[in-house]
Amino acid sequence: MILNTLDNLGKFEAKGDEGYFIGYSMSSKAFRVFNKRTRRVEENLHVEFLENKGIEQ
């Protein structure tokens, strides 16, 4: 789960996006994550890992 800090979200809208862990950033202390909603690779510190959830095919 990736915290969405870019969009102006309302009180009841989802504040997180799902994504896939790719690796670690070379330039900062962040995670590289593929965001499923925006279809982009981004670097973000605000990531929560859901280890019990598998990859859907």
Protein backbone atom coordinates (compact mmCIF):
# COMPACT_ATOMS: atom_id res chain seq x y z
CA MET A 1 0.00 0.00 0.00
CA ILE A 2 1.47 3.35 -1.08
CA LEU A 3 0.34 6.54 0.65
CA ASN A 4 -1.08 8.98 -1.91
CA THR A 5 0.15 12.47 -0.98
CA LEU A 6 -0.14 14.06 -4.45
CA ASP A 7 -3.91 14.14 -5.01
CA ASN A 8 -6.26 16.38 -3.04
CA LEU A 9 -8.32 13.68 -1.35
CA GLY A 10 -11.60 14.08 0.48
CA LYS A 11 -12.43 12.79 3.90
CA PHE A 12 -13.85 9.45 2.75
CA GLU A 13 -11.66 8.73 -0.28
CA ALA A 14 -8.98 6.04 -0.25
CA LYS A 15 -5.62 7.46 0.73
CA GLY A 16 -3.53 4.56 -0.53
CA ASP A 17 -2.69 2.92 -3.84
CA GLU A 18 -1.67 -0.68 -4.44
CA GLY A 19 1.69 -1.41 -5.98
CA TYR A 20 4.55 -3.85 -6.36
CA PHE A 21 7.92 -3.57 -4.63
CA ILE A 22 10.71 -3.26 -7.21
CA GLY A 23 13.74 -2.42 -5.10
CA TYR A 24 15.52 0.28 -3.19
CA SER A 25 16.39 3.78 -4.40
CA MET A 26 20.02 4.41 -5.26
CA SER A 27 19.84 8.14 -4.47
CA SER A 28 17.74 8.25 -1.28
CA LYS A 29 16.37 6.12 1.56
CA ALA A 30 13.18 5.27 -0.31
CA PHE A 31 11.54 2.25 -1.87
CA ARG A 32 11.00 1.89 -5.62
CA VAL A 33 7.41 0.79 -6.18
CA PHE A 34 5.30 0.23 -9.30
CA ASN A 35 1.99 2.02 -8.71
CA LYS A 36 -0.88 -0.01 -10.22
CA ARG A 37 -3.25 2.98 -10.49
CA THR A 38 -0.90 5.40 -12.25
CA ARG A 39 1.17 2.65 -13.97
CA ARG A 40 4.44 4.40 -13.05
CA VAL A 41 7.50 3.51 -11.01
CA GLU A 42 7.89 5.92 -8.10
CA GLU A 43 10.14 6.36 -5.10
CA ASN A 44 8.30 6.68 -1.82
CA LEU A 45 9.06 6.42 1.89
CA HIS A 46 5.43 5.93 2.90
CA VAL A 47 4.93 2.27 1.99
CA GLU A 48 3.16 -0.46 3.96
CA PHE A 49 4.01 -4.02 2.97
CA LEU A 50 1.21 -6.59 2.99
CA GLU A 51 3.18 -9.82 3.14
CA ASN A 52 0.18 -12.14 3.19
CA LYS A 53 -1.22 -10.84 -0.12
CA GLY A 54 -0.09 -12.68 -3.26
CA ILE A 55 0.35 -11.41 -6.80
CA GLU A 56 -2.83 -11.58 -8.88
CA GLN A 57 -2.60 -12.93 -12.40
